[in-house]
Amino acid sequence: MIELRDVSKIYQIGDERVHALDHANLHVYPHEFVSVIGPSGSGKSTLMNIIGCLDTADAGEYLLDGTPIEAYSENALARVRSRKIGFVFQSFNLIPKLSAEENVELPLIYQGVKKAERTKRVREALERVGLERRAKHQPTELSGGQQQRVAIARALVTQPSLILADEPTGNLDSHTSREIMDMFRELHEQGNTIVLITHDNDIARQAKRIVHILDGRLTEVSG
């Protein structure tokens, strides 16, 4: 599904060239659960952005489902981001004035999905994360864990083949973090491919494979 071959990303900061990714190689097969662990500044976010087609590499090759990203048009990349990839972020990224169901529905509106189908899929996504009774609540009326569940439902509602989670437990207490990780394991067991970015060893160990990132270089830890 995902293959990075000698991928590099360099940022010019003043007089210094910083290798956010330095000849990084990574493969993720369909239905895998892979964690990428590393400290702050190690290149995790850059890796996430490239895998998620939010940014492009300066060198090397990224193949998604066997096709080089360079072969995709801008419109095709936009479709990949909206249909093939579900994003879950540390800060939830929910719209405060919208209810839980409206936040989950938003990606389907962008896709042009008809109202009846949107309603059905939003209900199913909220049921999947156990929040069907909170559908009308706004984010401020939800706990941090519930907000992250809404964010996960929003990622799932487009029925993506890949879920990218960037520090999904970073703003949560230990008990809620365990609940969210239980949910990711359930999603994996149901067939979802998951790549989870984290700095926490305990979180990383819950994936089936662990990849370490440091100074933009990737090293397989297990699997």
N, C-alpha and C. Protein backbone atom coordinates (compact mmCIF):
# COMPACT_ATOMS: atom_id res chain seq x y z
N MET A 1 0.82 -1.21 0.00
CA MET A 1 0.00 0.00 0.00
C MET A 1 0.86 1.26 0.00
N ILE A 2 1.82 1.33 0.97
CA ILE A 2 2.72 2.49 1.08
C ILE A 2 4.14 2.02 0.88
N GLU A 3 4.87 2.71 0.02
CA GLU A 3 6.29 2.41 -0.14
C GLU A 3 7.07 3.70 -0.35
N LEU A 4 7.97 3.98 0.57
CA LEU A 4 8.89 5.11 0.46
C LEU A 4 10.27 4.57 0.12
N ARG A 5 10.85 5.12 -0.94
CA ARG A 5 12.18 4.69 -1.38
C ARG A 5 13.14 5.88 -1.34
N ASP A 6 14.08 5.85 -0.40
CA ASP A 6 15.11 6.89 -0.29
C ASP A 6 14.51 8.30 -0.31
N VAL A 7 13.47 8.50 0.46
CA VAL A 7 12.77 9.79 0.46
C VAL A 7 13.51 10.78 1.36
N SER A 8 13.74 11.97 0.81
CA SER A 8 14.39 13.04 1.58
C SER A 8 13.56 14.31 1.50
N LYS A 9 13.57 15.06 2.59
CA LYS A 9 12.92 16.36 2.64
C LYS A 9 13.84 17.29 3.40
N ILE A 10 14.23 18.39 2.75
CA ILE A 10 15.20 19.32 3.33
C ILE A 10 14.56 20.69 3.48
N TYR A 11 14.75 21.28 4.66
CA TYR A 11 14.28 22.65 4.91
C TYR A 11 15.49 23.56 5.10
N GLN A 12 15.42 24.73 4.51
CA GLN A 12 16.46 25.74 4.69
C GLN A 12 16.03 26.66 5.82
N ILE A 13 16.75 26.61 6.94
CA ILE A 13 16.46 27.47 8.08
C ILE A 13 17.66 28.38 8.31
N GLY A 14 17.54 29.62 7.85
CA GLY A 14 18.67 30.53 7.89
C GLY A 14 19.78 30.01 6.97
N ASP A 15 20.96 29.83 7.54
CA ASP A 15 22.09 29.31 6.76
C ASP A 15 22.18 27.78 6.85
N GLU A 16 21.27 27.18 7.61
CA GLU A 16 21.36 25.74 7.87
C GLU A 16 20.36 24.95 7.02
N ARG A 17 20.83 23.83 6.46
CA ARG A 17 19.95 22.90 5.75
C ARG A 17 19.61 21.76 6.70
N VAL A 18 18.32 21.62 7.00
CA VAL A 18 17.87 20.60 7.95
C VAL A 18 17.21 19.46 7.18
N HIS A 19 17.73 18.25 7.38
CA HIS A 19 17.17 17.05 6.74
C HIS A 19 16.03 16.51 7.62
N ALA A 20 14.81 16.94 7.32
CA ALA A 20 13.66 16.42 8.07
C ALA A 20 13.46 14.93 7.79
N LEU A 21 13.70 14.53 6.55
CA LEU A 21 13.78 13.12 6.17
C LEU A 21 15.06 12.91 5.39
N ASP A 22 15.78 11.86 5.73
CA ASP A 22 17.10 11.63 5.15
C ASP A 22 17.18 10.22 4.57
N HIS A 23 16.87 10.10 3.28
CA HIS A 23 16.89 8.79 2.58
C HIS A 23 16.04 7.76 3.36
N ALA A 24 14.82 8.15 3.66
CA ALA A 24 13.93 7.29 4.44
C ALA A 24 13.31 6.21 3.57
N ASN A 25 13.28 4.99 4.10
CA ASN A 25 12.64 3.87 3.43
C ASN A 25 11.60 3.27 4.36
N LEU A 26 10.42 3.00 3.81
CA LEU A 26 9.33 2.45 4.62
C LEU A 26 8.36 1.70 3.72
N HIS A 27 7.89 0.56 4.21
CA HIS A 27 6.80 -0.13 3.52
C HIS A 27 5.70 -0.44 4.53
N VAL A 28 4.48 -0.27 4.10
CA VAL A 28 3.32 -0.62 4.92
C VAL A 28 2.37 -1.40 4.03
N TYR A 29 2.09 -2.64 4.41
CA TYR A 29 1.21 -3.49 3.61
C TYR A 29 -0.24 -3.27 4.02
N PRO A 30 -1.19 -3.62 3.14
CA PRO A 30 -2.60 -3.49 3.48
C PRO A 30 -2.93 -4.24 4.78
N HIS A 31 -3.74 -3.63 5.62
CA HIS A 31 -4.26 -4.19 6.87
C HIS A 31 -3.21 -4.27 7.97
N GLU A 32 -2.07 -3.61 7.79
CA GLU A 32 -1.07 -3.55 8.87
C GLU A 32 -1.41 -2.44 9.86
N PHE A 33 -0.86 -2.58 11.06
CA PHE A 33 -0.91 -1.54 12.09
C PHE A 33 0.54 -1.24 12.46
N VAL A 34 1.02 -0.08 12.02
CA VAL A 34 2.42 0.30 12.17
C VAL A 34 2.50 1.58 12.99
N SER A 35 3.38 1.60 13.98
CA SER A 35 3.64 2.84 14.71
C SER A 35 5.01 3.37 14.30
N VAL A 36 5.11 4.69 14.23
CA VAL A 36 6.38 5.38 13.97
C VAL A 36 6.67 6.21 15.21
N ILE A 37 7.76 5.89 15.89
CA ILE A 37 8.07 6.56 17.15
C ILE A 37 9.38 7.33 17.03
N GLY A 38 9.39 8.50 17.65
CA GLY A 38 10.59 9.32 17.66
C GLY A 38 10.37 10.55 18.50
N PRO A 39 11.45 11.21 18.93
CA PRO A 39 11.32 12.42 19.76
C PRO A 39 10.88 13.61 18.92
N SER A 40 10.58 14.70 19.58
CA SER A 40 10.23 15.94 18.89
C SER A 40 11.39 16.36 17.98
N GLY A 41 11.04 16.79 16.76
CA GLY A 41 12.06 17.22 15.81
C GLY A 41 12.73 16.11 15.05
N SER A 42 12.23 14.88 15.18
CA SER A 42 12.88 13.74 14.54
C SER A 42 12.46 13.56 13.08
N GLY A 43 11.38 14.25 12.67
CA GLY A 43 10.89 14.10 11.30
C GLY A 43 9.54 13.43 11.21
N LYS A 44 8.90 13.16 12.36
CA LYS A 44 7.63 12.43 12.36
C LYS A 44 6.55 13.16 11.57
N SER A 45 6.39 14.45 11.85
CA SER A 45 5.32 15.20 11.19
C SER A 45 5.56 15.31 9.69
N THR A 46 6.82 15.49 9.30
CA THR A 46 7.14 15.56 7.88
C THR A 46 6.80 14.24 7.20
N LEU A 47 7.12 13.13 7.86
CA LEU A 47 6.80 11.82 7.32
C LEU A 47 5.29 11.67 7.16
N MET A 48 4.54 12.07 8.18
CA MET A 48 3.08 12.00 8.13
C MET A 48 2.53 12.82 6.97
N ASN A 49 3.06 14.02 6.80
CA ASN A 49 2.56 14.90 5.74
C ASN A 49 2.83 14.33 4.35
N ILE A 50 3.97 13.67 4.20
CA ILE A 50 4.28 13.09 2.89
C ILE A 50 3.42 11.86 2.63
N ILE A 51 3.29 10.98 3.63
CA ILE A 51 2.43 9.80 3.47
C ILE A 51 0.99 10.23 3.18
N GLY A 52 0.55 11.31 3.85
CA GLY A 52 -0.82 11.78 3.68
C GLY A 52 -1.03 12.66 2.47
N CYS A 53 0.01 12.82 1.64
CA CYS A 53 -0.07 13.63 0.42
C CYS A 53 -0.38 15.09 0.73
N LEU A 54 0.04 15.55 1.92
CA LEU A 54 -0.10 16.95 2.27
C LEU A 54 1.17 17.72 1.91
N ASP A 55 2.24 17.00 1.62
CA ASP A 55 3.52 17.59 1.24
C ASP A 55 4.22 16.62 0.30
N THR A 56 5.22 17.11 -0.40
CA THR A 56 5.95 16.26 -1.35
C THR A 56 7.43 16.20 -0.96
N ALA A 57 8.07 15.11 -1.32
CA ALA A 57 9.49 14.92 -1.02
C ALA A 57 10.34 15.73 -1.99
N ASP A 58 11.56 16.05 -1.55
CA ASP A 58 12.53 16.71 -2.42
C ASP A 58 13.29 15.70 -3.27
N ALA A 59 13.41 14.48 -2.75
CA ALA A 59 14.12 13.43 -3.48
C ALA A 59 13.55 12.08 -3.05
N GLY A 60 13.79 11.06 -3.88
CA GLY A 60 13.27 9.75 -3.60
C GLY A 60 11.90 9.55 -4.22
N GLU A 61 11.27 8.44 -3.89
CA GLU A 61 10.01 8.08 -4.53
C GLU A 61 9.02 7.58 -3.49
N TYR A 62 7.77 8.01 -3.64
CA TYR A 62 6.68 7.55 -2.78
C TYR A 62 5.63 6.90 -3.68
N LEU A 63 5.40 5.61 -3.43
CA LEU A 63 4.36 4.88 -4.17
C LEU A 63 3.18 4.60 -3.25
N LEU A 64 2.01 4.96 -3.71
CA LEU A 64 0.78 4.69 -2.98
C LEU A 64 -0.06 3.74 -3.82
N ASP A 65 -0.32 2.56 -3.26
CA ASP A 65 -1.01 1.50 -4.01
C ASP A 65 -0.32 1.23 -5.34
N GLY A 66 1.01 1.26 -5.30
CA GLY A 66 1.80 0.89 -6.47
C GLY A 66 2.01 2.00 -7.48
N THR A 67 1.41 3.16 -7.27
CA THR A 67 1.52 4.26 -8.23
C THR A 67 2.36 5.39 -7.63
N PRO A 68 3.41 5.86 -8.34
CA PRO A 68 4.20 6.98 -7.83
C PRO A 68 3.31 8.22 -7.67
N ILE A 69 3.50 8.92 -6.55
CA ILE A 69 2.70 10.11 -6.28
C ILE A 69 2.85 11.15 -7.39
N GLU A 70 4.03 11.18 -8.00
CA GLU A 70 4.27 12.16 -9.08
C GLU A 70 3.32 11.95 -10.26
N ALA A 71 2.77 10.74 -10.37
CA ALA A 71 1.89 10.44 -11.50
C ALA A 71 0.47 10.96 -11.28
N TYR A 72 0.16 11.37 -10.04
CA TYR A 72 -1.17 11.87 -9.73
C TYR A 72 -1.26 13.36 -10.09
N SER A 73 -2.37 13.78 -10.69
CA SER A 73 -2.64 15.19 -10.87
C SER A 73 -3.04 15.80 -9.53
N GLU A 74 -3.11 17.14 -9.46
CA GLU A 74 -3.55 17.80 -8.23
C GLU A 74 -4.96 17.36 -7.84
N ASN A 75 -5.83 17.25 -8.84
CA ASN A 75 -7.20 16.81 -8.57
C ASN A 75 -7.23 15.38 -8.05
N ALA A 76 -6.38 14.53 -8.64
CA ALA A 76 -6.31 13.13 -8.20
C ALA A 76 -5.78 13.05 -6.77
N LEU A 77 -4.79 13.88 -6.43
CA LEU A 77 -4.25 13.90 -5.07
C LEU A 77 -5.31 14.36 -4.07
N ALA A 78 -6.10 15.35 -4.46
CA ALA A 78 -7.18 15.82 -3.59
C ALA A 78 -8.18 14.69 -3.33
N ARG A 79 -8.46 13.90 -4.37
CA ARG A 79 -9.38 12.77 -4.18
C ARG A 79 -8.77 11.72 -3.27
N VAL A 80 -7.46 11.48 -3.40
CA VAL A 80 -6.77 10.54 -2.52
C VAL A 80 -6.90 10.98 -1.07
N ARG A 81 -6.65 12.26 -0.82
CA ARG A 81 -6.71 12.78 0.55
C ARG A 81 -8.12 12.69 1.12
N SER A 82 -9.13 12.90 0.30
CA SER A 82 -10.50 12.94 0.82
C SER A 82 -11.16 11.57 0.87
N ARG A 83 -10.69 10.62 0.06
CA ARG A 83 -11.38 9.33 -0.03
C ARG A 83 -10.55 8.15 0.47
N LYS A 84 -9.25 8.20 0.24
CA LYS A 84 -8.42 7.04 0.55
C LYS A 84 -7.79 7.11 1.94
N ILE A 85 -7.61 8.34 2.45
CA ILE A 85 -6.89 8.53 3.71
C ILE A 85 -7.78 9.21 4.73
N GLY A 86 -7.83 8.65 5.95
CA GLY A 86 -8.52 9.28 7.06
C GLY A 86 -7.50 9.80 8.05
N PHE A 87 -7.61 11.08 8.40
CA PHE A 87 -6.64 11.72 9.29
C PHE A 87 -7.20 11.88 10.70
N VAL A 88 -6.36 11.56 11.70
CA VAL A 88 -6.71 11.80 13.11
C VAL A 88 -5.54 12.57 13.72
N PHE A 89 -5.86 13.76 14.28
CA PHE A 89 -4.81 14.64 14.78
C PHE A 89 -4.85 14.75 16.31
N GLN A 90 -3.72 15.16 16.87
CA GLN A 90 -3.60 15.32 18.32
C GLN A 90 -4.61 16.33 18.85
N SER A 91 -4.82 17.42 18.11
CA SER A 91 -5.67 18.51 18.58
C SER A 91 -7.13 18.37 18.13
N PHE A 92 -7.48 17.21 17.62
CA PHE A 92 -8.85 16.85 17.21
C PHE A 92 -9.30 17.57 15.94
N ASN A 93 -9.01 18.90 15.84
CA ASN A 93 -9.38 19.69 14.65
C ASN A 93 -10.87 19.66 14.36
N LEU A 94 -11.68 19.70 15.41
CA LEU A 94 -13.13 19.79 15.22
C LEU A 94 -13.54 21.26 15.10
N ILE A 95 -14.64 21.51 14.39
CA ILE A 95 -15.16 22.87 14.25
C ILE A 95 -16.09 23.13 15.44
N PRO A 96 -15.76 24.12 16.29
CA PRO A 96 -16.47 24.30 17.56
C PRO A 96 -17.97 24.53 17.43
N LYS A 97 -18.40 25.23 16.38
CA LYS A 97 -19.81 25.59 16.25
C LYS A 97 -20.67 24.47 15.67
N LEU A 98 -20.02 23.39 15.23
CA LEU A 98 -20.77 22.28 14.65
C LEU A 98 -20.95 21.17 15.68
N SER A 99 -22.05 20.45 15.58
CA SER A 99 -22.28 19.30 16.45
C SER A 99 -21.37 18.16 16.05
N ALA A 100 -21.36 17.11 16.87
CA ALA A 100 -20.54 15.93 16.55
C ALA A 100 -20.92 15.37 15.18
N GLU A 101 -22.22 15.21 14.93
CA GLU A 101 -22.64 14.63 13.66
C GLU A 101 -22.32 15.54 12.48
N GLU A 102 -22.39 16.86 12.69
CA GLU A 102 -22.06 17.80 11.62
C GLU A 102 -20.57 17.78 11.30
N ASN A 103 -19.73 17.65 12.35
CA ASN A 103 -18.28 17.52 12.12
C ASN A 103 -17.97 16.26 11.32
N VAL A 104 -18.62 15.16 11.67
CA VAL A 104 -18.38 13.89 10.98
C VAL A 104 -18.89 13.96 9.54
N GLU A 105 -19.97 14.69 9.33
CA GLU A 105 -20.60 14.77 8.01
C GLU A 105 -19.79 15.60 7.01
N LEU A 106 -18.97 16.51 7.52
CA LEU A 106 -18.29 17.50 6.67
C LEU A 106 -17.53 16.90 5.49
N PRO A 107 -16.70 15.86 5.70
CA PRO A 107 -15.96 15.30 4.55
C PRO A 107 -16.89 14.77 3.46
N LEU A 108 -18.06 14.27 3.85
CA LEU A 108 -19.00 13.73 2.86
C LEU A 108 -19.65 14.85 2.06
N ILE A 109 -19.86 15.99 2.71
CA ILE A 109 -20.38 17.16 1.98
C ILE A 109 -19.38 17.59 0.92
N TYR A 110 -18.10 17.63 1.30
CA TYR A 110 -17.06 18.00 0.33
C TYR A 110 -17.00 17.02 -0.83
N GLN A 111 -17.32 15.77 -0.56
CA GLN A 111 -17.30 14.74 -1.62
C GLN A 111 -18.55 14.79 -2.49
N GLY A 112 -19.58 15.53 -2.07
CA GLY A 112 -20.80 15.59 -2.85
C GLY A 112 -21.73 14.41 -2.63
N VAL A 113 -21.57 13.72 -1.49
CA VAL A 113 -22.43 12.57 -1.18
C VAL A 113 -23.85 13.08 -0.87
N LYS A 114 -24.85 12.39 -1.36
CA LYS A 114 -26.23 12.82 -1.17
C LYS A 114 -26.64 12.71 0.30
N LYS A 115 -27.64 13.54 0.67
CA LYS A 115 -28.02 13.70 2.07
C LYS A 115 -28.40 12.38 2.74
N ALA A 116 -29.21 11.57 2.09
CA ALA A 116 -29.66 10.31 2.71
C ALA A 116 -28.48 9.40 3.01
N GLU A 117 -27.54 9.33 2.07
CA GLU A 117 -26.35 8.49 2.27
C GLU A 117 -25.47 9.08 3.36
N ARG A 118 -25.35 10.41 3.40
CA ARG A 118 -24.56 11.07 4.45
C ARG A 118 -25.12 10.73 5.82
N THR A 119 -26.43 10.85 5.97
CA THR A 119 -27.08 10.60 7.26
C THR A 119 -26.80 9.17 7.72
N LYS A 120 -26.91 8.23 6.81
CA LYS A 120 -26.69 6.81 7.14
C LYS A 120 -25.24 6.58 7.57
N ARG A 121 -24.29 7.12 6.81
CA ARG A 121 -22.88 6.87 7.10
C ARG A 121 -22.42 7.58 8.37
N VAL A 122 -22.95 8.77 8.61
CA VAL A 122 -22.60 9.48 9.85
C VAL A 122 -23.10 8.70 11.06
N ARG A 123 -24.33 8.21 11.00
CA ARG A 123 -24.88 7.43 12.11
C ARG A 123 -24.04 6.19 12.36
N GLU A 124 -23.67 5.49 11.28
CA GLU A 124 -22.86 4.28 11.42
C GLU A 124 -21.49 4.59 12.02
N ALA A 125 -20.88 5.70 11.59
CA ALA A 125 -19.55 6.06 12.10
C ALA A 125 -19.60 6.40 13.58
N LEU A 126 -20.63 7.15 13.99
CA LEU A 126 -20.75 7.51 15.41
C LEU A 126 -21.07 6.28 16.26
N GLU A 127 -21.87 5.37 15.71
CA GLU A 127 -22.13 4.11 16.43
C GLU A 127 -20.85 3.31 16.60
N ARG A 128 -20.02 3.35 15.58
CA ARG A 128 -18.77 2.57 15.60
C ARG A 128 -17.83 3.03 16.72
N VAL A 129 -17.90 4.34 17.05
CA VAL A 129 -17.04 4.85 18.13
C VAL A 129 -17.81 5.04 19.43
N GLY A 130 -19.05 4.56 19.47
CA GLY A 130 -19.84 4.58 20.69
C GLY A 130 -20.37 5.94 21.10
N LEU A 131 -20.61 6.82 20.11
CA LEU A 131 -21.06 8.18 20.44
C LEU A 131 -22.39 8.54 19.79
N GLU A 132 -23.18 7.54 19.43
CA GLU A 132 -24.45 7.85 18.76
C GLU A 132 -25.36 8.71 19.63
N ARG A 133 -25.25 8.60 20.95
CA ARG A 133 -26.10 9.38 21.85
C ARG A 133 -25.58 10.81 22.05
N ARG A 134 -24.41 11.08 21.53
CA ARG A 134 -23.82 12.43 21.66
C ARG A 134 -23.81 13.16 20.32
N ALA A 135 -24.56 12.68 19.36
CA ALA A 135 -24.51 13.21 17.99
C ALA A 135 -24.81 14.70 17.92
N LYS A 136 -25.70 15.19 18.78
CA LYS A 136 -26.12 16.60 18.72
C LYS A 136 -25.24 17.52 19.57
N HIS A 137 -24.28 16.96 20.29
CA HIS A 137 -23.44 17.76 21.18
C HIS A 137 -22.34 18.46 20.40
N GLN A 138 -22.03 19.69 20.81
CA GLN A 138 -20.90 20.41 20.25
C GLN A 138 -19.62 19.99 20.97
N PRO A 139 -18.44 20.23 20.35
CA PRO A 139 -17.18 19.80 20.97
C PRO A 139 -16.99 20.28 22.41
N THR A 140 -17.45 21.51 22.72
CA THR A 140 -17.27 22.03 24.08
C THR A 140 -18.09 21.25 25.11
N GLU A 141 -19.06 20.49 24.64
CA GLU A 141 -19.90 19.69 25.53
C GLU A 141 -19.38 18.26 25.66
N LEU A 142 -18.24 17.99 25.07
CA LEU A 142 -17.67 16.65 25.07
C LEU A 142 -16.32 16.65 25.79
N SER A 143 -15.98 15.52 26.38
CA SER A 143 -14.65 15.37 26.99
C SER A 143 -13.60 15.24 25.90
N GLY A 144 -12.33 15.33 26.29
CA GLY A 144 -11.25 15.18 25.32
C GLY A 144 -11.32 13.84 24.60
N GLY A 145 -11.58 12.78 25.36
CA GLY A 145 -11.67 11.45 24.75
C GLY A 145 -12.84 11.36 23.78
N GLN A 146 -13.96 11.99 24.14
CA GLN A 146 -15.12 11.97 23.24
C GLN A 146 -14.85 12.78 21.98
N GLN A 147 -14.14 13.90 22.13
CA GLN A 147 -13.78 14.70 20.96
C GLN A 147 -12.88 13.89 20.01
N GLN A 148 -11.94 13.13 20.58
CA GLN A 148 -11.08 12.32 19.73
C GLN A 148 -11.88 11.21 19.05
N ARG A 149 -12.88 10.67 19.72
CA ARG A 149 -13.74 9.67 19.10
C ARG A 149 -14.51 10.27 17.92
N VAL A 150 -14.96 11.51 18.09
CA VAL A 150 -15.62 12.20 16.96
C VAL A 150 -14.64 12.35 15.80
N ALA A 151 -13.40 12.72 16.13
CA ALA A 151 -12.39 12.87 15.09
C ALA A 151 -12.13 11.54 14.37
N ILE A 152 -12.14 10.44 15.13
CA ILE A 152 -11.95 9.12 14.52
C ILE A 152 -13.15 8.77 13.64
N ALA A 153 -14.36 9.09 14.12
CA ALA A 153 -15.56 8.85 13.31
C ALA A 153 -15.49 9.65 12.01
N ARG A 154 -15.01 10.88 12.09
CA ARG A 154 -14.87 11.71 10.89
C ARG A 154 -13.86 11.09 9.92
N ALA A 155 -12.80 10.49 10.46
CA ALA A 155 -11.82 9.83 9.60
C ALA A 155 -12.41 8.58 8.96
N LEU A 156 -13.30 7.90 9.68
CA LEU A 156 -13.86 6.63 9.18
C LEU A 156 -15.00 6.81 8.20
N VAL A 157 -15.68 7.96 8.26
CA VAL A 157 -16.94 8.10 7.52
C VAL A 157 -16.75 8.05 6.01
N THR A 158 -15.55 8.39 5.54
CA THR A 158 -15.28 8.33 4.10
C THR A 158 -14.87 6.93 3.65
N GLN A 159 -14.84 6.00 4.61
CA GLN A 159 -14.47 4.61 4.35
C GLN A 159 -13.08 4.51 3.70
N PRO A 160 -12.07 5.14 4.35
CA PRO A 160 -10.72 5.17 3.78
C PRO A 160 -10.03 3.81 3.89
N SER A 161 -9.05 3.59 3.03
CA SER A 161 -8.27 2.36 3.13
C SER A 161 -7.10 2.53 4.09
N LEU A 162 -6.77 3.78 4.45
CA LEU A 162 -5.63 4.07 5.32
C LEU A 162 -6.03 5.11 6.36
N ILE A 163 -5.71 4.84 7.63
CA ILE A 163 -5.89 5.82 8.69
C ILE A 163 -4.52 6.29 9.16
N LEU A 164 -4.30 7.62 9.10
CA LEU A 164 -3.08 8.22 9.61
C LEU A 164 -3.40 8.95 10.90
N ALA A 165 -2.76 8.55 11.98
CA ALA A 165 -3.02 9.14 13.29
C ALA A 165 -1.74 9.80 13.81
N ASP A 166 -1.79 11.11 14.00
CA ASP A 166 -0.62 11.88 14.44
C ASP A 166 -0.78 12.23 15.91
N GLU A 167 -0.05 11.53 16.79
CA GLU A 167 -0.11 11.74 18.25
C GLU A 167 -1.57 11.77 18.73
N PRO A 168 -2.37 10.75 18.41
CA PRO A 168 -3.80 10.81 18.72
C PRO A 168 -4.12 10.79 20.20
N THR A 169 -3.15 10.42 21.05
CA THR A 169 -3.38 10.42 22.51
C THR A 169 -2.62 11.53 23.21
N GLY A 170 -1.99 12.41 22.44
CA GLY A 170 -1.09 13.41 23.01
C GLY A 170 -1.75 14.37 23.97
N ASN A 171 -3.04 14.67 23.79
CA ASN A 171 -3.74 15.61 24.66
C ASN A 171 -4.68 14.92 25.65
N LEU A 172 -4.48 13.61 25.85
CA LEU A 172 -5.42 12.84 26.66
C LEU A 172 -4.72 12.26 27.90
N ASP A 173 -5.50 12.04 28.96
CA ASP A 173 -4.93 11.40 30.15
C ASP A 173 -4.72 9.91 29.87
N SER A 174 -4.06 9.22 30.80
CA SER A 174 -3.64 7.84 30.56
C SER A 174 -4.84 6.91 30.38
N HIS A 175 -5.89 7.11 31.17
CA HIS A 175 -7.08 6.25 31.07
C HIS A 175 -7.75 6.42 29.70
N THR A 176 -7.94 7.68 29.29
CA THR A 176 -8.58 7.95 28.00
C THR A 176 -7.69 7.48 26.85
N SER A 177 -6.38 7.62 27.02
CA SER A 177 -5.44 7.14 25.99
C SER A 177 -5.61 5.65 25.75
N ARG A 178 -5.78 4.89 26.85
CA ARG A 178 -5.97 3.45 26.71
C ARG A 178 -7.26 3.14 25.95
N GLU A 179 -8.31 3.92 26.23
CA GLU A 179 -9.58 3.71 25.53
C GLU A 179 -9.42 3.98 24.02
N ILE A 180 -8.72 5.06 23.69
CA ILE A 180 -8.53 5.40 22.27
C ILE A 180 -7.68 4.34 21.58
N MET A 181 -6.65 3.83 22.27
CA MET A 181 -5.81 2.80 21.67
C MET A 181 -6.58 1.49 21.51
N ASP A 182 -7.48 1.18 22.46
CA ASP A 182 -8.36 0.02 22.29
C ASP A 182 -9.17 0.16 21.01
N MET A 183 -9.62 1.38 20.74
CA MET A 183 -10.41 1.62 19.54
C MET A 183 -9.57 1.41 18.28
N PHE A 184 -8.33 1.89 18.29
CA PHE A 184 -7.47 1.68 17.12
C PHE A 184 -7.21 0.19 16.90
N ARG A 185 -7.02 -0.55 17.97
CA ARG A 185 -6.81 -2.00 17.81
C ARG A 185 -8.05 -2.67 17.23
N GLU A 186 -9.23 -2.24 17.67
CA GLU A 186 -10.47 -2.78 17.11
C GLU A 186 -10.58 -2.45 15.62
N LEU A 187 -10.25 -1.22 15.27
CA LEU A 187 -10.30 -0.82 13.86
C LEU A 187 -9.34 -1.66 13.02
N HIS A 188 -8.17 -1.94 13.59
CA HIS A 188 -7.21 -2.78 12.88
C HIS A 188 -7.75 -4.19 12.69
N GLU A 189 -8.35 -4.71 13.75
CA GLU A 189 -8.93 -6.07 13.66
C GLU A 189 -10.06 -6.14 12.64
N GLN A 190 -10.71 -5.01 12.41
CA GLN A 190 -11.79 -4.95 11.42
C GLN A 190 -11.27 -4.75 10.00
N GLY A 191 -9.93 -4.66 9.85
CA GLY A 191 -9.35 -4.62 8.52
C GLY A 191 -8.73 -3.31 8.09
N ASN A 192 -8.77 -2.29 8.96
CA ASN A 192 -8.20 -1.00 8.59
C ASN A 192 -6.68 -1.03 8.63
N THR A 193 -6.05 -0.35 7.68
CA THR A 193 -4.60 -0.12 7.71
C THR A 193 -4.36 1.15 8.52
N ILE A 194 -3.47 1.07 9.51
CA ILE A 194 -3.24 2.21 10.41
C ILE A 194 -1.75 2.51 10.50
N VAL A 195 -1.40 3.79 10.33
CA VAL A 195 -0.05 4.27 10.63
C VAL A 195 -0.20 5.31 11.73
N LEU A 196 0.43 5.04 12.87
CA LEU A 196 0.27 5.89 14.04
C LEU A 196 1.61 6.52 14.40
N ILE A 197 1.63 7.84 14.47
CA ILE A 197 2.84 8.59 14.82
C ILE A 197 2.78 8.91 16.31
N THR A 198 3.88 8.66 17.05
CA THR A 198 3.87 8.91 18.49
C THR A 198 5.28 9.13 19.01
N HIS A 199 5.36 9.72 20.20
CA HIS A 199 6.65 9.81 20.89
C HIS A 199 6.66 8.90 22.12
N ASP A 200 5.54 8.20 22.35
CA ASP A 200 5.31 7.42 23.57
C ASP A 200 5.56 5.93 23.31
N ASN A 201 6.53 5.36 24.02
CA ASN A 201 6.87 3.95 23.82
C ASN A 201 5.70 3.02 24.12
N ASP A 202 4.95 3.31 25.17
CA ASP A 202 3.82 2.45 25.53
C ASP A 202 2.76 2.44 24.43
N ILE A 203 2.51 3.59 23.82
CA ILE A 203 1.56 3.68 22.71
C ILE A 203 2.11 2.93 21.50
N ALA A 204 3.38 3.15 21.20
CA ALA A 204 3.99 2.52 20.01
C ALA A 204 3.94 1.01 20.09
N ARG A 205 4.14 0.47 21.29
CA ARG A 205 4.20 -0.99 21.46
C ARG A 205 2.87 -1.68 21.19
N GLN A 206 1.79 -0.92 21.11
CA GLN A 206 0.49 -1.52 20.88
C GLN A 206 0.22 -1.80 19.40
N ALA A 207 1.10 -1.31 18.54
CA ALA A 207 1.00 -1.63 17.12
C ALA A 207 1.66 -2.98 16.86
N LYS A 208 1.42 -3.52 15.68
CA LYS A 208 2.01 -4.81 15.30
C LYS A 208 3.46 -4.67 14.86
N ARG A 209 3.79 -3.50 14.33
CA ARG A 209 5.18 -3.21 13.94
C ARG A 209 5.56 -1.84 14.45
N ILE A 210 6.82 -1.69 14.80
CA ILE A 210 7.33 -0.41 15.28
C ILE A 210 8.48 0.03 14.39
N VAL A 211 8.42 1.28 13.95
CA VAL A 211 9.51 1.88 13.18
C VAL A 211 10.00 3.09 13.96
N HIS A 212 11.31 3.20 14.16
CA HIS A 212 11.88 4.32 14.89
C HIS A 212 12.39 5.37 13.90
N ILE A 213 12.15 6.65 14.24
CA ILE A 213 12.66 7.73 13.42
C ILE A 213 13.52 8.64 14.27
N LEU A 214 14.69 8.98 13.76
CA LEU A 214 15.62 9.89 14.44
C LEU A 214 16.43 10.62 13.38
N ASP A 215 16.46 11.93 13.48
CA ASP A 215 17.18 12.76 12.51
C ASP A 215 16.79 12.42 11.07
N GLY A 216 15.50 12.13 10.89
CA GLY A 216 14.99 11.89 9.54
C GLY A 216 15.28 10.52 8.97
N ARG A 217 15.88 9.64 9.79
CA ARG A 217 16.19 8.29 9.32
C ARG A 217 15.27 7.27 10.00
N LEU A 218 14.81 6.30 9.22
CA LEU A 218 13.88 5.29 9.73
C LEU A 218 14.61 3.98 9.97
N THR A 219 14.30 3.34 11.11
CA THR A 219 14.88 2.05 11.46
C THR A 219 13.79 1.13 11.96
N GLU A 220 13.71 -0.07 11.41
CA GLU A 220 12.71 -1.05 11.87
C GLU A 220 13.10 -1.54 13.25
N VAL A 221 12.13 -1.51 14.19
CA VAL A 221 12.39 -1.96 15.55
C VAL A 221 11.92 -3.39 15.74
N SER A 222 10.76 -3.71 15.18
CA SER A 222 10.22 -5.04 15.34
C SER A 222 9.38 -5.39 14.13
N GLY A 223 9.06 -6.68 13.99
CA GLY A 223 8.20 -7.13 12.91
C GLY A 223 9.00 -7.51 11.69
